[in-house]
Amino acid sequence: MKKLVILLVTAAGFSASSLVHARDAISIVGSSTVYPFATVVAERFGKSTAFKSPKVESTGSGGGLKLFCEGVGVNTPDITNASRRIKQSEYDKCQSNGVTDIVEVLIGYDGIVLANANSAPRFKLSRRDVYLALAKQIPGPDGKLIANPHKTWKDVNANLPASRIEVLGPPPTSGTRDAFVELALEGGARSFDSINKLRGLKDSQRAEIEQLVAKLGAEAAWQAALAKKGAKAKGKDVVKIISHSVREDGAFIEAGENDNLIVNKLVANPNALGIFGFSFLDQNSDSVQGSTIDGHNPTFDAIADGDYAISRPLYFYVKKAHVGTVPGIAEFVKTFVSEDAIGEDGYLIDKGLIPLSGDAYDNMADAAVSLTPLKM
């Protein structure tokens, strides 16, 4: 009977009355990085308004967007958090499933840190070091790609410790993972001239692409790019396949979406490093420390100024079809984007969020409050 009701709601164009009776609290899923920010806003919203506190779940950015884009109705979330922008493929999936009006809200920025226990020496890394430590394939002595042979950090860089490479990080469904491989691993891979040159070649330069692919021994990656993009495959598509593939031999350990669990494991194992957002580092600075990346420590100012290389935007997405049907969505959005929450002196800044400022904040807040749909 319950399944029949849900089907009838969907078929009837998402009946307001049936949804109100089915659910009276906002459902939020998505990014583990945005989760603590959304939770604080949800708790304050429940205490300061006549609406119930939204239910917030940490599913990872990819997992949240998958749930969000499944359709319109009581069995789908109203809002999803994301520590990266929605992908075109996810947007298209939403559209095909009837989620046609999506409101995108950029709430601020966050850095991704490689942290270890305060009881151990602080690591000083470059993005090249990170790539050589964690990528599945790296250029060998002759310039051709080989399976990553590095066992210790000293193998990567003679100036680093001789400790075994052991990094705890998020799974592929995580926005933190997506941003990390793009900013850190791909950024490090581009320090190799042949890879950086390949990245700049357009689909019209196929002969040059194939020459560099042969030089790198990256024929498998090129064939994968062709299978995915066809004649439009570019050099950067090959580079993504090469640099975004994380090694699977135990040096990188998928530790789930619970960043607090990673922090606890780092304290218990001072030889390990962990990957998570700056906000978790900020909240746990008594036990863990962030590695220096390309000469910059992960600090609030370094991320806000753009000096810290591994930083990314944070979003949430609203299903406009649910506004006015599930109680409080528009009011929650207004609360989240208020100056009290994410302004330069907002309470989420104390939690580690790097704020938007000036016109960027004003434009975002105006679009969010007016629930302006995203166009891609």
Protein backbone atom coordinates (compact mmCIF):
# COMPACT_ATOMS: atom_id res chain seq x y z
CA MET A 1 0.00 0.00 0.00
CA LYS A 2 2.86 2.40 0.88
CA LYS A 3 4.47 1.79 -2.53
CA LEU A 4 1.10 2.49 -4.20
CA VAL A 5 0.75 5.80 -2.36
CA ILE A 6 4.25 6.89 -3.43
CA LEU A 7 3.53 5.97 -7.05
CA LEU A 8 0.24 7.86 -7.00
CA VAL A 9 1.95 10.92 -5.52
CA THR A 10 4.54 10.90 -8.30
CA ALA A 11 1.97 10.28 -11.03
CA ALA A 12 -0.27 13.07 -9.73
CA GLY A 13 2.50 15.63 -10.03
CA PHE A 14 3.80 15.42 -6.47
CA SER A 15 0.62 16.26 -4.55
CA ALA A 16 1.25 18.81 -1.81
CA SER A 17 -1.31 17.45 0.61
CA SER A 18 -0.09 13.87 0.39
CA LEU A 19 3.53 14.90 0.92
CA VAL A 20 2.73 17.06 3.93
CA HIS A 21 1.04 14.11 5.57
CA ALA A 22 3.96 11.84 4.67
CA ARG A 23 6.86 14.03 5.84
CA ASP A 24 7.01 17.22 7.88
CA ALA A 25 10.79 17.63 8.21
CA ILE A 26 13.38 18.52 5.60
CA SER A 27 15.57 15.64 4.38
CA ILE A 28 19.21 16.50 3.68
CA VAL A 29 21.89 14.09 2.40
CA GLY A 30 25.37 14.40 0.89
CA SER A 31 28.90 15.53 1.62
CA SER A 32 30.66 14.52 4.82
CA THR A 33 32.56 17.82 4.65
CA VAL A 34 29.44 19.97 4.49
CA TYR A 35 27.66 17.71 7.01
CA PRO A 36 28.91 19.45 10.19
CA PHE A 37 28.02 22.89 8.79
CA ALA A 38 24.55 21.74 7.74
CA THR A 39 24.02 20.05 11.10
CA VAL A 40 24.78 23.24 13.03
CA VAL A 41 22.37 25.24 10.85
CA ALA A 42 19.71 22.53 11.14
CA GLU A 43 19.93 22.49 14.94
CA ARG A 44 19.66 26.28 15.18
CA PHE A 45 16.83 26.32 12.64
CA GLY A 46 14.83 23.82 14.68
CA LYS A 47 15.31 25.80 17.89
CA SER A 48 14.65 29.27 16.47
CA THR A 49 11.69 28.63 14.15
CA ALA A 50 8.35 26.84 14.23
CA PHE A 51 9.72 24.15 11.88
CA LYS A 52 11.22 20.83 12.85
CA SER A 53 15.00 20.39 12.69
CA PRO A 54 15.96 18.94 9.28
CA LYS A 55 17.30 15.41 9.19
CA VAL A 56 20.91 15.54 7.93
CA GLU A 57 22.72 12.41 6.71
CA SER A 58 26.34 12.02 5.59
CA THR A 59 26.32 9.93 2.40
CA GLY A 60 29.19 11.51 0.45
CA SER A 61 28.73 14.02 -2.37
CA GLY A 62 28.29 11.42 -5.10
CA GLY A 63 25.96 9.30 -3.01
CA GLY A 64 23.88 12.32 -2.05
CA LEU A 65 23.50 13.55 -5.61
CA LYS A 66 22.50 10.06 -6.72
CA LEU A 67 19.69 10.00 -4.14
CA PHE A 68 18.72 13.60 -4.90
CA CYS A 69 18.45 12.95 -8.64
CA GLU A 70 16.31 9.81 -8.33
CA GLY A 71 13.15 11.86 -8.74
CA VAL A 72 10.55 14.04 -7.05
CA GLY A 73 8.50 12.67 -4.14
CA VAL A 74 8.40 11.75 -0.48
CA ASN A 75 11.02 9.05 -0.82
CA THR A 76 13.69 11.42 -2.17
CA PRO A 77 15.71 14.08 -0.31
CA ASP A 78 14.93 17.79 -0.53
CA ILE A 79 18.52 19.03 -0.31
CA THR A 80 21.91 17.49 -0.97
CA ASN A 81 25.26 18.83 0.21
CA ALA A 82 28.32 18.60 -2.04
CA SER A 83 32.01 19.34 -1.63
CA ARG A 84 32.28 19.80 -5.41
CA ARG A 85 30.02 21.18 -8.09
CA ILE A 86 27.35 18.94 -9.58
CA LYS A 87 28.63 17.13 -12.67
CA GLN A 88 26.95 17.53 -16.05
CA SER A 89 26.09 13.82 -16.02
CA GLU A 90 24.40 14.18 -12.60
CA TYR A 91 22.50 17.27 -13.74
CA ASP A 92 21.32 15.40 -16.84
CA LYS A 93 20.23 12.46 -14.67
CA CYS A 94 18.21 14.81 -12.50
CA GLN A 95 16.52 16.31 -15.57
CA SER A 96 15.66 12.90 -17.01
CA ASN A 97 14.09 11.87 -13.69
CA GLY A 98 11.91 14.96 -13.42
CA VAL A 99 14.14 16.97 -11.07
CA THR A 100 14.10 19.90 -13.46
CA ASP A 101 14.49 22.93 -11.19
CA ILE A 102 17.66 22.67 -9.07
CA VAL A 103 18.86 25.57 -6.97
CA GLU A 104 22.65 25.71 -6.54
CA VAL A 105 24.02 27.41 -3.43
CA LEU A 106 27.76 28.05 -3.03
CA ILE A 107 28.28 28.50 0.72
CA GLY A 108 32.06 29.03 0.84
CA TYR A 109 35.36 27.21 0.52
CA ASP A 110 37.35 24.52 2.26
CA GLY A 111 40.88 23.19 2.06
CA ILE A 112 41.74 19.51 1.79
CA VAL A 113 44.51 18.54 4.18
CA LEU A 114 46.91 15.66 4.54
CA ALA A 115 47.20 15.46 8.30
CA ASN A 116 49.05 13.36 10.83
CA ALA A 117 49.21 13.13 14.60
CA ASN A 118 50.75 16.01 16.54
CA SER A 119 53.03 13.44 18.16
CA ALA A 120 54.83 12.92 14.80
CA PRO A 121 56.91 15.38 12.73
CA ARG A 122 54.94 17.59 10.34
CA PHE A 123 55.24 16.55 6.70
CA LYS A 124 56.43 19.08 4.12
CA LEU A 125 55.12 17.91 0.76
CA SER A 126 54.69 19.12 -2.79
CA ARG A 127 51.82 18.04 -5.01
CA ARG A 128 54.44 16.15 -7.02
CA ASP A 129 55.33 14.19 -3.87
CA VAL A 130 51.65 13.38 -3.29
CA TYR A 131 51.22 12.17 -6.86
CA LEU A 132 54.36 10.01 -6.69
CA ALA A 133 53.16 8.51 -3.41
CA LEU A 134 49.52 7.76 -4.22
CA ALA A 135 48.96 7.50 -7.98
CA LYS A 136 48.46 4.04 -9.42
CA GLN A 137 50.90 4.76 -12.27
CA ILE A 138 53.81 7.19 -12.41
CA PRO A 139 56.52 7.94 -15.00
CA GLY A 140 59.49 5.57 -14.67
CA PRO A 141 63.18 6.33 -15.38
CA ASP A 142 62.60 6.22 -19.14
CA GLY A 143 59.49 8.43 -18.93
CA LYS A 144 57.01 5.62 -19.55
CA LEU A 145 54.26 4.92 -17.02
CA ILE A 146 54.91 2.10 -14.57
CA ALA A 147 53.04 0.65 -11.60
CA ASN A 148 53.87 2.81 -8.58
CA PRO A 149 56.87 1.11 -6.90
CA HIS A 150 57.27 3.48 -3.94
CA LYS A 151 57.01 1.87 -0.52
CA THR A 152 58.21 4.68 1.74
CA TRP A 153 58.04 8.46 1.66
CA LYS A 154 61.81 8.51 1.29
CA ASP A 155 61.41 6.57 -1.97
CA VAL A 156 59.29 9.49 -3.19
CA ASN A 157 61.62 12.25 -2.00
CA ALA A 158 64.97 11.81 -0.28
CA ASN A 159 64.09 14.66 2.10
CA LEU A 160 61.04 12.85 3.48
CA PRO A 161 60.93 10.26 6.29
CA ALA A 162 61.68 6.59 5.65
CA SER A 163 58.25 5.63 7.04
CA ARG A 164 55.91 3.43 5.01
CA ILE A 165 53.38 5.24 2.81
CA GLU A 166 50.08 4.79 4.61
CA VAL A 167 47.31 7.27 3.81
CA LEU A 168 43.72 7.02 5.05
CA GLY A 169 41.25 8.66 2.68
CA PRO A 170 37.67 8.85 1.45
CA PRO A 171 35.96 6.47 -1.01
CA PRO A 172 35.21 7.26 -4.68
CA THR A 173 31.68 8.50 -3.79
CA SER A 174 33.16 11.37 -1.79
CA GLY A 175 33.48 14.91 -3.09
CA THR A 176 36.64 15.18 -1.02
CA ARG A 177 38.09 12.29 -3.03
CA ASP A 178 37.06 13.92 -6.33
CA ALA A 179 38.63 17.24 -5.39
CA PHE A 180 41.76 15.61 -3.95
CA VAL A 181 42.59 13.62 -7.09
CA GLU A 182 41.94 16.64 -9.31
CA LEU A 183 43.82 19.23 -7.25
CA ALA A 184 46.58 17.17 -5.63
CA LEU A 185 47.23 14.15 -7.85
CA GLU A 186 46.57 15.81 -11.20
CA GLY A 187 48.35 18.92 -9.98
CA GLY A 188 51.37 16.78 -9.12
CA ALA A 189 51.23 14.84 -12.38
CA ARG A 190 51.40 18.11 -14.31
CA SER A 191 54.84 18.76 -12.83
CA PHE A 192 56.05 16.25 -15.45
CA ASP A 193 56.55 18.07 -18.75
CA SER A 194 55.20 15.29 -20.97
CA ILE A 195 51.99 14.96 -18.93
CA ASN A 196 51.48 18.72 -18.74
CA LYS A 197 52.01 19.08 -22.50
CA LEU A 198 49.55 16.24 -23.17
CA ARG A 199 46.93 17.96 -21.04
CA GLY A 200 47.01 21.03 -23.27
CA LEU A 201 46.34 19.20 -26.56
CA LYS A 202 42.91 19.56 -28.19
CA ASP A 203 40.91 16.88 -30.00
CA SER A 204 42.04 18.40 -33.32
CA GLN A 205 45.67 17.56 -32.40
CA ARG A 206 45.22 13.81 -32.48
CA ALA A 207 48.62 13.10 -34.06
CA GLU A 208 50.41 15.00 -31.29
CA ILE A 209 48.26 13.30 -28.65
CA GLU A 210 49.13 9.86 -30.00
CA GLN A 211 52.84 10.73 -30.09
CA LEU A 212 52.84 11.74 -26.43
CA VAL A 213 50.65 8.78 -25.49
CA ALA A 214 53.25 6.47 -27.08
CA LYS A 215 56.06 8.30 -25.28
CA LEU A 216 54.25 7.80 -21.96
CA GLY A 217 53.14 4.25 -22.69
CA ALA A 218 49.57 5.42 -21.98
CA GLU A 219 47.81 3.61 -24.82
CA ALA A 220 45.29 1.99 -22.46
CA ALA A 221 44.32 5.38 -21.04
CA TRP A 222 43.97 6.81 -24.55
CA GLN A 223 41.71 3.96 -25.61
CA ALA A 224 39.60 4.52 -22.49
CA ALA A 225 39.32 8.22 -23.33
CA LEU A 226 38.28 7.41 -26.91
CA ALA A 227 35.68 4.93 -25.65
CA LYS A 228 34.21 7.62 -23.41
CA LYS A 229 34.52 10.74 -25.58
CA GLY A 230 34.94 9.41 -29.12
CA ALA A 231 36.34 11.89 -31.62
CA LYS A 232 36.10 14.64 -28.99
CA ALA A 233 38.71 12.99 -26.74
CA LYS A 234 41.40 15.46 -25.71
CA GLY A 235 44.78 15.16 -24.07
CA LYS A 236 43.31 16.27 -20.76
CA ASP A 237 40.96 13.25 -20.82
CA VAL A 238 43.98 10.95 -20.94
CA VAL A 239 45.70 12.88 -18.14
CA LYS A 240 42.62 12.55 -15.93
CA ILE A 241 42.59 8.78 -16.38
CA ILE A 242 46.32 8.59 -15.62
CA SER A 243 46.43 10.93 -12.64
CA HIS A 244 43.05 10.28 -11.00
CA SER A 245 43.68 6.54 -10.58
CA VAL A 246 44.69 5.87 -6.97
CA ARG A 247 46.92 2.92 -6.15
CA GLU A 248 45.24 -0.20 -4.72
CA ASP A 249 48.18 -2.00 -3.10
CA GLY A 250 47.58 -0.86 0.47
CA ALA A 251 49.38 2.48 0.46
CA PHE A 252 46.02 4.24 0.16
CA ILE A 253 43.35 2.94 2.53
CA GLU A 254 39.69 3.78 1.98
CA ALA A 255 38.47 4.82 5.42
CA GLY A 256 34.84 5.69 4.66
CA GLU A 257 32.94 8.97 4.92
CA ASN A 258 33.46 9.44 8.67
CA ASP A 259 36.23 12.03 8.98
CA ASN A 260 36.15 11.88 12.77
CA LEU A 261 37.05 8.19 12.50
CA ILE A 262 40.08 9.08 10.36
CA VAL A 263 41.21 11.59 12.99
CA ASN A 264 40.96 8.92 15.69
CA LYS A 265 42.97 6.46 13.58
CA LEU A 266 45.71 9.03 13.02
CA VAL A 267 46.05 9.58 16.74
CA ALA A 268 46.36 5.82 17.22
CA ASN A 269 48.88 5.46 14.37
CA PRO A 270 51.38 8.38 14.22
CA ASN A 271 52.99 6.92 11.07
CA ALA A 272 49.83 7.39 8.99
CA LEU A 273 48.47 10.40 7.14
CA GLY A 274 44.78 11.15 6.61
CA ILE A 275 42.83 13.13 4.02
CA PHE A 276 39.89 15.33 5.07
CA GLY A 277 38.60 18.89 5.04
CA PHE A 278 40.21 21.85 6.77
CA SER A 279 37.22 22.22 9.10
CA PHE A 280 38.02 18.85 10.70
CA LEU A 281 41.64 19.88 11.11
CA ASP A 282 40.52 23.15 12.67
CA GLN A 283 38.23 21.35 15.11
CA ASN A 284 40.88 18.74 16.01
CA SER A 285 44.05 20.83 16.10
CA ASP A 286 44.81 19.57 19.60
CA SER A 287 45.49 16.10 18.16
CA VAL A 288 46.37 16.41 14.45
CA GLN A 289 48.35 18.79 12.23
CA GLY A 290 48.15 19.58 8.53
CA SER A 291 51.07 18.95 6.18
CA THR A 292 52.70 21.84 4.35
CA ILE A 293 51.80 21.67 0.64
CA ASP A 294 53.99 23.50 -1.87
CA GLY A 295 55.36 25.69 0.90
CA HIS A 296 52.04 26.69 2.48
CA ASN A 297 50.40 25.40 5.65
CA PRO A 298 46.64 24.75 5.53
CA THR A 299 45.44 27.82 7.42
CA PHE A 300 42.27 29.87 7.15
CA ASP A 301 44.13 32.80 5.57
CA ALA A 302 46.14 30.67 3.12
CA ILE A 303 42.96 29.00 1.85
CA ALA A 304 40.99 32.26 1.69
CA ASP A 305 43.83 33.97 -0.23
CA GLY A 306 44.23 31.06 -2.67
CA ASP A 307 47.82 30.36 -1.58
CA TYR A 308 47.07 26.84 -0.35
CA ALA A 309 46.90 24.69 -3.48
CA ILE A 310 44.40 22.01 -2.41
CA SER A 311 41.19 23.94 -1.81
CA ARG A 312 37.67 23.62 -3.24
CA PRO A 313 34.18 25.19 -3.16
CA LEU A 314 31.34 23.82 -1.00
CA TYR A 315 27.71 23.68 -2.15
CA PHE A 316 24.24 22.52 -1.39
CA TYR A 317 21.49 21.86 -3.93
CA VAL A 318 17.76 22.35 -3.40
CA LYS A 319 14.92 20.52 -5.16
CA LYS A 320 12.63 23.43 -5.97
CA ALA A 321 9.67 21.13 -6.63
CA HIS A 322 9.61 20.36 -2.90
CA VAL A 323 9.53 24.02 -1.82
CA GLY A 324 6.16 24.94 -0.37
CA THR A 325 5.30 21.27 0.03
CA VAL A 326 7.80 20.00 2.58
CA PRO A 327 7.56 22.64 5.32
CA GLY A 328 10.41 25.08 5.86
CA ILE A 329 12.70 24.57 2.84
CA ALA A 330 12.71 28.20 1.68
CA GLU A 331 13.13 29.36 5.27
CA PHE A 332 16.02 26.93 5.86
CA VAL A 333 17.81 28.16 2.73
CA LYS A 334 17.41 31.76 3.91
CA THR A 335 18.79 30.81 7.32
CA PHE A 336 21.78 28.95 5.84
CA VAL A 337 22.85 31.82 3.57
CA SER A 338 22.29 34.53 6.19
CA GLU A 339 25.18 36.72 7.31
CA ASP A 340 24.70 35.28 10.80
CA ALA A 341 25.60 31.83 9.44
CA ILE A 342 28.07 32.27 6.57
CA GLY A 343 28.91 35.97 6.55
CA GLU A 344 32.48 36.96 7.32
CA ASP A 345 31.70 36.91 11.05
CA GLY A 346 29.14 34.08 10.89
CA TYR A 347 28.98 31.20 13.32
CA LEU A 348 30.02 28.68 10.63
CA ILE A 349 33.28 30.56 10.15
CA ASP A 350 34.14 29.54 13.72
CA LYS A 351 33.58 25.94 12.56
CA GLY A 352 36.18 26.24 9.79
CA LEU A 353 34.18 27.41 6.76
CA ILE A 354 36.10 29.83 4.51
CA PRO A 355 33.53 32.51 3.58
CA LEU A 356 32.61 34.25 0.37
CA SER A 357 33.02 37.99 0.58
CA GLY A 358 31.72 41.18 -1.00
CA ASP A 359 29.77 40.90 -4.25
CA ALA A 360 30.32 37.14 -4.44
CA TYR A 361 28.40 36.67 -1.18
CA ASP A 362 25.66 39.16 -2.09
CA ASN A 363 25.05 37.61 -5.51
CA MET A 364 24.97 34.08 -4.08
CA ALA A 365 22.57 35.03 -1.27
CA ASP A 366 20.20 36.86 -3.63
CA ALA A 367 20.05 33.89 -6.02
CA ALA A 368 19.60 31.41 -3.16
CA VAL A 369 16.80 33.30 -1.41
CA SER A 370 14.97 33.82 -4.71
CA LEU A 371 15.45 30.09 -5.47
CA THR A 372 16.83 30.75 -8.94
CA PRO A 373 17.22 27.43 -10.81
CA LEU A 374 20.62 26.34 -12.11
CA LYS A 375 21.17 26.19 -15.87
CA MET A 376 24.00 24.03 -17.22
